[in-house]
């Protein structure tokens, strides 16, 4: 498990609009039973996006929106199925986190 890995949403009823989570937790924090993730929502289900806060990304060829303000902790055991990673989108994800936390 590593920062910027993408996982299938463990809640089947939510996958229609939120198919994935991206792990944004620092790799050096060990021993926790949770990981901090940001939901990746389908573009069609998201609505208006705020510049920088909600970048449009691609996972498995699908356009998804990083819903940065909805980040939260998910139990480690729930992140079972890794479907890819967003390391190539590191700059956009960091800019979204900076927009949320004010680190411009």
Protein backbone atom coordinates (compact mmCIF):
# COMPACT_ATOMS: atom_id res chain seq x y z
CA UNK A 1 0.00 0.00 0.00
CA UNK A 2 1.48 3.31 -1.06
CA UNK A 3 0.62 6.97 -1.47
CA UNK A 4 -1.35 7.65 -4.67
CA UNK A 5 -2.48 4.04 -5.09
CA UNK A 6 -6.08 3.84 -6.31
CA UNK A 7 -8.57 1.38 -4.81
CA UNK A 8 -12.04 0.27 -5.73
CA UNK A 9 -14.66 1.79 -3.44
CA UNK A 10 -15.47 -0.95 -0.91
CA UNK A 11 -19.10 0.18 -0.65
CA UNK A 12 -20.91 -1.39 -3.60
CA UNK A 13 -23.94 0.94 -3.44
CA UNK A 14 -21.67 4.00 -3.83
CA UNK A 15 -19.64 2.75 -6.80
CA UNK A 16 -22.11 4.14 -9.33
CA UNK A 17 -21.02 7.72 -8.53
CA UNK A 18 -17.78 7.10 -6.56
CA UNK A 19 -15.96 4.14 -8.07
CA UNK A 20 -12.55 4.75 -6.48
CA UNK A 21 -10.50 6.17 -3.63
CA UNK A 22 -6.94 7.45 -3.92
CA UNK A 23 -4.63 6.99 -0.93
CA UNK A 24 -2.94 10.31 -0.03
CA UNK A 25 -1.37 9.35 3.28
CA UNK A 26 2.39 9.67 3.75
CA UNK A 27 4.13 6.33 3.18
CA UNK A 28 6.29 6.78 6.27
CA UNK A 29 3.41 6.69 8.75
CA UNK A 30 3.19 3.08 9.84
CA UNK A 31 1.18 1.13 12.35
CA UNK A 32 -2.17 2.83 11.79
CA UNK A 33 -5.29 0.83 11.02
CA UNK A 34 -6.56 3.49 8.61
CA UNK A 35 -5.43 5.32 5.48
CA UNK A 36 -6.39 8.85 4.46
CA UNK A 37 -8.11 8.75 1.08
CA UNK A 38 -9.86 11.12 -1.32
CA UNK A 39 -12.95 9.93 -3.20
CA UNK A 40 -12.75 9.86 -6.98
CA UNK A 41 -16.20 10.67 -8.37
CA UNK A 42 -17.48 10.11 -11.89
CA UNK A 43 -17.35 13.38 -13.79
CA UNK A 44 -21.01 13.14 -14.89
CA UNK A 45 -22.16 12.72 -11.27
CA UNK A 46 -20.02 15.50 -9.80
CA UNK A 47 -21.39 18.80 -11.08
CA UNK A 48 -19.49 22.11 -11.05
CA UNK A 49 -15.82 21.88 -10.09
CA UNK A 50 -13.71 24.43 -8.22
CA UNK A 51 -10.46 25.20 -9.98
CA UNK A 52 -7.46 23.39 -8.46
CA UNK A 53 -9.58 21.83 -5.69
CA UNK A 54 -11.29 19.31 -7.99
CA UNK A 55 -8.91 18.28 -10.79
CA UNK A 56 -10.13 15.95 -13.50
CA UNK A 57 -8.04 12.76 -13.55
CA UNK A 58 -8.09 9.45 -15.42
CA UNK A 59 -8.35 6.00 -13.84
CA UNK A 60 -8.59 2.97 -16.12
CA UNK A 61 -9.45 5.29 -19.01
CA UNK A 62 -12.36 6.87 -17.12
CA UNK A 63 -12.56 10.59 -16.27
CA UNK A 64 -12.97 11.07 -12.52
CA UNK A 65 -12.98 14.13 -10.27
CA UNK A 66 -10.80 14.32 -7.17
CA UNK A 67 -13.26 15.38 -4.44
CA UNK A 68 -10.55 16.79 -2.20
CA UNK A 69 -12.82 18.39 0.40
CA UNK A 70 -14.45 14.99 1.05
CA UNK A 71 -11.23 13.27 2.15
CA UNK A 72 -11.33 11.01 5.16
CA UNK A 73 -9.91 7.93 6.82
CA UNK A 74 -10.87 4.46 5.68
CA UNK A 75 -10.04 1.27 7.57
CA UNK A 76 -7.01 -0.38 6.03
CA UNK A 77 -8.87 -3.69 5.74
CA UNK A 78 -11.45 -2.08 3.44
CA UNK A 79 -8.91 -1.10 0.78
CA UNK A 80 -8.66 -4.53 -0.77
CA UNK A 81 -8.64 -4.11 -4.54
CA UNK A 82 -5.94 -1.85 -5.95
CA UNK A 83 -6.89 -0.85 -9.50
CA UNK A 84 -3.99 1.43 -10.35
CA UNK A 85 -2.12 4.49 -9.19
CA UNK A 86 -2.08 8.23 -9.83
CA UNK A 87 1.64 8.90 -9.47
CA UNK A 88 1.59 10.63 -12.86
CA UNK A 89 -1.00 13.07 -11.39
CA UNK A 90 1.02 13.88 -8.26
CA UNK A 91 1.29 17.61 -9.10
CA UNK A 92 -2.48 18.03 -9.59
CA UNK A 93 -3.26 16.12 -6.40
CA UNK A 94 -0.74 18.13 -4.37
CA UNK A 95 -2.14 21.38 -5.80
CA UNK A 96 -5.64 20.29 -4.71
CA UNK A 97 -4.39 19.52 -1.19
CA UNK A 98 -2.60 22.88 -1.10
CA UNK A 99 -5.82 24.64 -2.21
CA UNK A 100 -7.76 22.91 0.58
CA UNK A 101 -5.23 23.58 3.33
CA UNK A 102 -4.00 26.99 2.17
CA UNK A 103 -0.38 26.06 1.42
CA UNK A 104 -0.02 28.14 -1.74
